[in-house]
PDB file of N, CA and C in Angstrom:
ATOM      1  N   UNK A   1       0.853  -1.171   0.000  1.00  0.00           N
ATOM      2  CA  UNK A   1       0.000   0.000   0.000  1.00  0.00           C
ATOM      3  C   UNK A   1       0.900   1.236   0.000  1.00  0.00           C
ATOM      4  N   UNK A   2       0.551   2.193  -0.816  1.00  0.00           N
ATOM      5  CA  UNK A   2       1.295   3.443  -0.867  1.00  0.00           C
ATOM      6  C   UNK A   2       0.359   4.611  -0.625  1.00  0.00           C
ATOM      7  N   UNK A   3       0.907   5.688  -0.111  1.00  0.00           N
ATOM      8  CA  UNK A   3       0.127   6.911   0.083  1.00  0.00           C
ATOM      9  C   UNK A   3       0.673   7.984  -0.841  1.00  0.00           C
ATOM     10  N   UNK A   4      -0.214   8.854  -1.277  1.00  0.00           N
ATOM     11  CA  UNK A   4       0.151   9.930  -2.184  1.00  0.00           C
ATOM     12  C   UNK A   4      -0.547  11.215  -1.756  1.00  0.00           C
ATOM     13  N   UNK A   5       0.162  12.324  -1.885  1.00  0.00           N
ATOM     14  CA  UNK A   5      -0.420  13.647  -1.693  1.00  0.00           C
ATOM     15  C   UNK A   5      -0.838  14.133  -3.078  1.00  0.00           C
ATOM     16  N   UNK A   6      -2.100  14.504  -3.236  1.00  0.00           N
ATOM     17  CA  UNK A   6      -2.576  14.967  -4.531  1.00  0.00           C
ATOM     18  C   UNK A   6      -3.349  16.275  -4.376  1.00  0.00           C
ATOM     19  N   UNK A   7      -3.441  16.990  -5.468  1.00  0.00           N
ATOM     20  CA  UNK A   7      -4.307  18.163  -5.533  1.00  0.00           C
ATOM     21  C   UNK A   7      -5.248  17.969  -6.708  1.00  0.00           C
ATOM     22  N   UNK A   8      -6.424  18.544  -6.592  1.00  0.00           N
ATOM     23  CA  UNK A   8      -7.418  18.426  -7.654  1.00  0.00           C
ATOM     24  C   UNK A   8      -8.238  19.704  -7.711  1.00  0.00           C
ATOM     25  N   UNK A   9      -8.710  20.042  -8.896  1.00  0.00           N
ATOM     26  CA  UNK A   9      -9.649  21.148  -9.055  1.00  0.00           C
ATOM     27  C   UNK A   9     -11.019  20.560  -9.340  1.00  0.00           C
ATOM     28  N   UNK A  10     -11.988  21.034  -8.587  1.00  0.00           N
ATOM     29  CA  UNK A  10     -13.342  20.523  -8.681  1.00  0.00           C
ATOM     30  C   UNK A  10     -14.267  21.680  -9.028  1.00  0.00           C
ATOM     31  N   UNK A  11     -15.178  21.464  -9.960  1.00  0.00           N
ATOM     32  CA  UNK A  11     -16.177  22.481 -10.270  1.00  0.00           C
ATOM     33  C   UNK A  11     -17.100  22.654  -9.069  1.00  0.00           C
ATOM     34  N   UNK A  12     -17.390  23.904  -8.725  1.00  0.00           N
ATOM     35  CA  UNK A  12     -18.324  24.149  -7.632  1.00  0.00           C
ATOM     36  C   UNK A  12     -19.701  23.627  -8.014  1.00  0.00           C
ATOM     37  N   UNK A  13     -20.409  23.117  -7.029  1.00  0.00           N
ATOM     38  CA  UNK A  13     -21.726  22.531  -7.237  1.00  0.00           C
ATOM     39  C   UNK A  13     -22.794  23.423  -6.611  1.00  0.00           C
ATOM     40  N   UNK A  14     -24.039  23.105  -6.898  1.00  0.00           N
ATOM     41  CA  UNK A  14     -25.141  23.924  -6.386  1.00  0.00           C
ATOM     42  C   UNK A  14     -25.369  23.747  -4.890  1.00  0.00           C
ATOM     43  N   UNK A  15     -24.970  22.608  -4.342  1.00  0.00           N
ATOM     44  CA  UNK A  15     -25.176  22.393  -2.915  1.00  0.00           C
ATOM     45  C   UNK A  15     -23.927  21.771  -2.296  1.00  0.00           C
ATOM     46  N   UNK A  16     -23.740  21.942  -0.996  1.00  0.00           N
ATOM     47  CA  UNK A  16     -22.586  21.336  -0.323  1.00  0.00           C
ATOM     48  C   UNK A  16     -22.564  19.813  -0.460  1.00  0.00           C
ATOM     49  N   UNK A  17     -23.717  19.187  -0.434  1.00  0.00           N
ATOM     50  CA  UNK A  17     -23.785  17.727  -0.571  1.00  0.00           C
ATOM     51  C   UNK A  17     -23.282  17.300  -1.950  1.00  0.00           C
ATOM     52  N   UNK A  18     -23.660  18.023  -2.987  1.00  0.00           N
ATOM     53  CA  UNK A  18     -23.199  17.694  -4.337  1.00  0.00           C
ATOM     54  C   UNK A  18     -21.696  17.940  -4.462  1.00  0.00           C
ATOM     55  N   UNK A  19     -21.200  18.993  -3.825  1.00  0.00           N
ATOM     56  CA  UNK A  19     -19.769  19.278  -3.860  1.00  0.00           C
ATOM     57  C   UNK A  19     -18.999  18.155  -3.171  1.00  0.00           C
ATOM     58  N   UNK A  20     -19.472  17.726  -2.028  1.00  0.00           N
ATOM     59  CA  UNK A  20     -18.832  16.631  -1.297  1.00  0.00           C
ATOM     60  C   UNK A  20     -18.766  15.379  -2.171  1.00  0.00           C
ATOM     61  N   UNK A  21     -19.855  15.045  -2.836  1.00  0.00           N
ATOM     62  CA  UNK A  21     -19.890  13.862  -3.700  1.00  0.00           C
ATOM     63  C   UNK A  21     -18.938  14.019  -4.889  1.00  0.00           C
ATOM     64  N   UNK A  22     -18.880  15.197  -5.480  1.00  0.00           N
ATOM     65  CA  UNK A  22     -17.984  15.440  -6.611  1.00  0.00           C
ATOM     66  C   UNK A  22     -16.523  15.295  -6.181  1.00  0.00           C
ATOM     67  N   UNK A  23     -16.192  15.781  -4.994  1.00  0.00           N
ATOM     68  CA  UNK A  23     -14.828  15.654  -4.479  1.00  0.00           C
ATOM     69  C   UNK A  23     -14.490  14.182  -4.256  1.00  0.00           C
ATOM     70  N   UNK A  24     -15.361  13.460  -3.582  1.00  0.00           N
ATOM     71  CA  UNK A  24     -15.125  12.040  -3.308  1.00  0.00           C
ATOM     72  C   UNK A  24     -14.960  11.247  -4.607  1.00  0.00           C
ATOM     73  N   UNK A  25     -15.790  11.530  -5.594  1.00  0.00           N
ATOM     74  CA  UNK A  25     -15.719  10.832  -6.873  1.00  0.00           C
ATOM     75  C   UNK A  25     -14.393  11.096  -7.568  1.00  0.00           C
ATOM     76  N   UNK A  26     -13.948  12.342  -7.572  1.00  0.00           N
ATOM     77  CA  UNK A  26     -12.685  12.692  -8.216  1.00  0.00           C
ATOM     78  C   UNK A  26     -11.506  12.046  -7.494  1.00  0.00           C
ATOM     79  N   UNK A  27     -11.534  12.043  -6.168  1.00  0.00           N
ATOM     80  CA  UNK A  27     -10.430  11.460  -5.412  1.00  0.00           C
ATOM     81  C   UNK A  27     -10.368   9.942  -5.570  1.00  0.00           C
ATOM     82  N   UNK A  28     -11.513   9.301  -5.716  1.00  0.00           N
ATOM     83  CA  UNK A  28     -11.552   7.849  -5.913  1.00  0.00           C
ATOM     84  C   UNK A  28     -10.806   7.430  -7.176  1.00  0.00           C
ATOM     85  N   UNK A  29     -10.693   8.325  -8.142  1.00  0.00           N
ATOM     86  CA  UNK A  29      -9.955   8.023  -9.373  1.00  0.00           C
ATOM     87  C   UNK A  29      -8.470   7.821  -9.088  1.00  0.00           C
ATOM     88  N   UNK A  30      -7.982   8.416  -7.994  1.00  0.00           N
ATOM     89  CA  UNK A  30      -6.566   8.355  -7.639  1.00  0.00           C
ATOM     90  C   UNK A  30      -6.253   7.301  -6.579  1.00  0.00           C
ATOM     91  N   UNK A  31      -7.265   6.858  -5.860  1.00  0.00           N
ATOM     92  CA  UNK A  31      -7.071   5.889  -4.783  1.00  0.00           C
ATOM     93  C   UNK A  31      -8.141   6.076  -3.721  1.00  0.00           C
ATOM     94  N   UNK A  32      -7.893   5.504  -2.566  1.00  0.00           N
ATOM     95  CA  UNK A  32      -8.833   5.601  -1.449  1.00  0.00           C
ATOM     96  C   UNK A  32      -8.456   6.812  -0.595  1.00  0.00           C
ATOM     97  N   UNK A  33      -9.345   7.824  -0.525  1.00  0.00           N
ATOM     98  CA  UNK A  33      -9.000   9.024   0.253  1.00  0.00           C
ATOM     99  C   UNK A  33      -8.918   8.732   1.752  1.00  0.00           C
ATOM    100  N   UNK A  34      -7.820   9.154   2.365  1.00  0.00           N
ATOM    101  CA  UNK A  34      -7.697   9.077   3.820  1.00  0.00           C
ATOM    102  C   UNK A  34      -8.222  10.354   4.455  1.00  0.00           C
ATOM    103  N   UNK A  35      -7.824  11.485   3.866  1.00  0.00           N
ATOM    104  CA  UNK A  35      -8.329  12.785   4.320  1.00  0.00           C
ATOM    105  C   UNK A  35      -8.196  13.763   3.168  1.00  0.00           C
ATOM    106  N   UNK A  36      -9.020  14.782   3.204  1.00  0.00           N
ATOM    107  CA  UNK A  36      -8.932  15.818   2.179  1.00  0.00           C
ATOM    108  C   UNK A  36      -9.457  17.118   2.750  1.00  0.00           C
ATOM    109  N   UNK A  37      -9.075  18.217   2.088  1.00  0.00           N
ATOM    110  CA  UNK A  37      -9.520  19.539   2.515  1.00  0.00           C
ATOM    111  C   UNK A  37      -9.632  20.447   1.303  1.00  0.00           C
ATOM    112  N   UNK A  38     -10.637  21.299   1.322  1.00  0.00           N
ATOM    113  CA  UNK A  38     -10.739  22.362   0.323  1.00  0.00           C
ATOM    114  C   UNK A  38      -9.797  23.452   0.789  1.00  0.00           C
ATOM    115  N   UNK A  39      -8.803  23.784  -0.040  1.00  0.00           N
ATOM    116  CA  UNK A  39      -7.781  24.739   0.372  1.00  0.00           C
ATOM    117  C   UNK A  39      -7.916  26.096  -0.303  1.00  0.00           C
ATOM    118  N   UNK A  40      -8.714  26.178  -1.366  1.00  0.00           N
ATOM    119  CA  UNK A  40      -8.925  27.453  -2.047  1.00  0.00           C
ATOM    120  C   UNK A  40     -10.197  27.360  -2.878  1.00  0.00           C
ATOM    121  N   UNK A  41     -10.840  28.519  -3.050  1.00  0.00           N
ATOM    122  CA  UNK A  41     -12.034  28.601  -3.896  1.00  0.00           C
ATOM    123  C   UNK A  41     -11.873  29.803  -4.814  1.00  0.00           C
ATOM    124  N   UNK A  42     -12.041  29.567  -6.110  1.00  0.00           N
ATOM    125  CA  UNK A  42     -11.997  30.623  -7.109  1.00  0.00           C
ATOM    126  C   UNK A  42     -13.433  30.862  -7.564  1.00  0.00           C
ATOM    127  N   UNK A  43     -14.039  31.941  -7.050  1.00  0.00           N
ATOM    128  CA  UNK A  43     -15.447  32.198  -7.370  1.00  0.00           C
ATOM    129  C   UNK A  43     -15.644  32.643  -8.807  1.00  0.00           C
ATOM    130  N   UNK A  44     -14.634  33.293  -9.396  1.00  0.00           N
ATOM    131  CA  UNK A  44     -14.762  33.701 -10.794  1.00  0.00           C
ATOM    132  C   UNK A  44     -14.768  32.501 -11.721  1.00  0.00           C
ATOM    133  N   UNK A  45     -13.879  31.546 -11.466  1.00  0.00           N
ATOM    134  CA  UNK A  45     -13.790  30.342 -12.303  1.00  0.00           C
ATOM    135  C   UNK A  45     -14.743  29.241 -11.836  1.00  0.00           C
ATOM    136  N   UNK A  46     -15.349  29.427 -10.659  1.00  0.00           N
ATOM    137  CA  UNK A  46     -16.258  28.444 -10.067  1.00  0.00           C
ATOM    138  C   UNK A  46     -15.560  27.099  -9.854  1.00  0.00           C
ATOM    139  N   UNK A  47     -14.354  27.164  -9.244  1.00  0.00           N
ATOM    140  CA  UNK A  47     -13.544  25.978  -8.978  1.00  0.00           C
ATOM    141  C   UNK A  47     -13.122  25.959  -7.514  1.00  0.00           C
ATOM    142  N   UNK A  48     -13.025  24.758  -6.979  1.00  0.00           N
ATOM    143  CA  UNK A  48     -12.489  24.556  -5.636  1.00  0.00           C
ATOM    144  C   UNK A  48     -11.206  23.745  -5.764  1.00  0.00           C
ATOM    145  N   UNK A  49     -10.170  24.148  -5.044  1.00  0.00           N
ATOM    146  CA  UNK A  49      -8.931  23.380  -5.022  1.00  0.00           C
ATOM    147  C   UNK A  49      -8.971  22.473  -3.802  1.00  0.00           C
ATOM    148  N   UNK A  50      -8.675  21.211  -4.023  1.00  0.00           N
ATOM    149  CA  UNK A  50      -8.710  20.208  -2.963  1.00  0.00           C
ATOM    150  C   UNK A  50      -7.332  19.570  -2.846  1.00  0.00           C
ATOM    151  N   UNK A  51      -6.847  19.438  -1.607  1.00  0.00           N
ATOM    152  CA  UNK A  51      -5.625  18.703  -1.330  1.00  0.00           C
ATOM    153  C   UNK A  51      -6.019  17.461  -0.545  1.00  0.00           C
ATOM    154  N   UNK A  52      -5.396  16.326  -0.895  1.00  0.00           N
ATOM    155  CA  UNK A  52      -5.800  15.063  -0.278  1.00  0.00           C
ATOM    156  C   UNK A  52      -4.629  14.116  -0.113  1.00  0.00           C
ATOM    157  N   UNK A  53      -4.803  13.205   0.814  1.00  0.00           N
ATOM    158  CA  UNK A  53      -3.920  12.056   0.968  1.00  0.00           C
ATOM    159  C   UNK A  53      -4.753  10.841   0.575  1.00  0.00           C
ATOM    160  N   UNK A  54      -4.249  10.078  -0.394  1.00  0.00           N
ATOM    161  CA  UNK A  54      -4.951   8.868  -0.840  1.00  0.00           C
ATOM    162  C   UNK A  54      -4.007   7.681  -0.748  1.00  0.00           C
ATOM    163  N   UNK A  55      -4.585   6.503  -0.626  1.00  0.00           N
ATOM    164  CA  UNK A  55      -3.809   5.268  -0.643  1.00  0.00           C
ATOM    165  C   UNK A  55      -4.251   4.429  -1.819  1.00  0.00           C
ATOM    166  N   UNK A  56      -3.338   3.595  -2.286  1.00  0.00           N
ATOM    167  CA  UNK A  56      -3.717   2.601  -3.278  1.00  0.00           C
ATOM    168  C   UNK A  56      -2.872   1.357  -3.073  1.00  0.00           C
ATOM    169  N   UNK A  57      -3.323   0.278  -3.656  1.00  0.00           N
ATOM    170  CA  UNK A  57      -2.652  -1.006  -3.485  1.00  0.00           C
ATOM    171  C   UNK A  57      -1.782  -1.362  -4.671  1.00  0.00           C
ATOM    172  N   UNK A  58      -1.436  -0.389  -5.509  1.00  0.00           N
ATOM    173  CA  UNK A  58      -0.566  -0.643  -6.648  1.00  0.00           C
ATOM    174  C   UNK A  58       0.855  -0.873  -6.147  1.00  0.00           C
ATOM    175  N   UNK A  59       1.148  -2.100  -5.842  1.00  0.00           N
ATOM    176  CA  UNK A  59       2.470  -2.423  -5.323  1.00  0.00           C
ATOM    177  C   UNK A  59       3.498  -2.318  -6.438  1.00  0.00           C
ATOM    178  N   UNK A  60       4.475  -1.475  -6.219  1.00  0.00           N
ATOM    179  CA  UNK A  60       5.556  -1.318  -7.175  1.00  0.00           C
ATOM    180  C   UNK A  60       6.645  -2.326  -6.798  1.00  0.00           C
ATOM    181  N   UNK A  61       7.179  -3.031  -7.785  1.00  0.00           N
ATOM    182  CA  UNK A  61       8.264  -3.954  -7.449  1.00  0.00           C
ATOM    183  C   UNK A  61       9.482  -3.189  -6.938  1.00  0.00           C
ATOM    184  N   UNK A  62      10.082  -3.681  -5.902  1.00  0.00           N
ATOM    185  CA  UNK A  62      11.247  -2.995  -5.349  1.00  0.00           C
ATOM    186  C   UNK A  62      12.470  -3.304  -6.204  1.00  0.00           C
ATOM    187  N   UNK A  63      13.308  -2.312  -6.339  1.00  0.00           N
ATOM    188  CA  UNK A  63      14.520  -2.505  -7.116  1.00  0.00           C
ATOM    189  C   UNK A  63      15.695  -2.606  -6.164  1.00  0.00           C
ATOM    190  N   UNK A  64      16.572  -3.568  -6.387  1.00  0.00           N
ATOM    191  CA  UNK A  64      17.707  -3.735  -5.462  1.00  0.00           C
ATOM    192  C   UNK A  64      18.725  -2.644  -5.591  1.00  0.00           C
TER     193      UNK A  64
END
């Protein structure tokens, strides 16, 4: 299992519940989210910046 720090831009949604679902869906593309936070909002572009820690089971072979 590996952990990764990622950032993502998410389109703002009409409701907080829809925004939460959009964030979770986007993060699932990268792995299993451990934690995430909205770190910036651009109201002109209607985007939210999200920083997250995700895990995945893509075991990379170790090199000697």
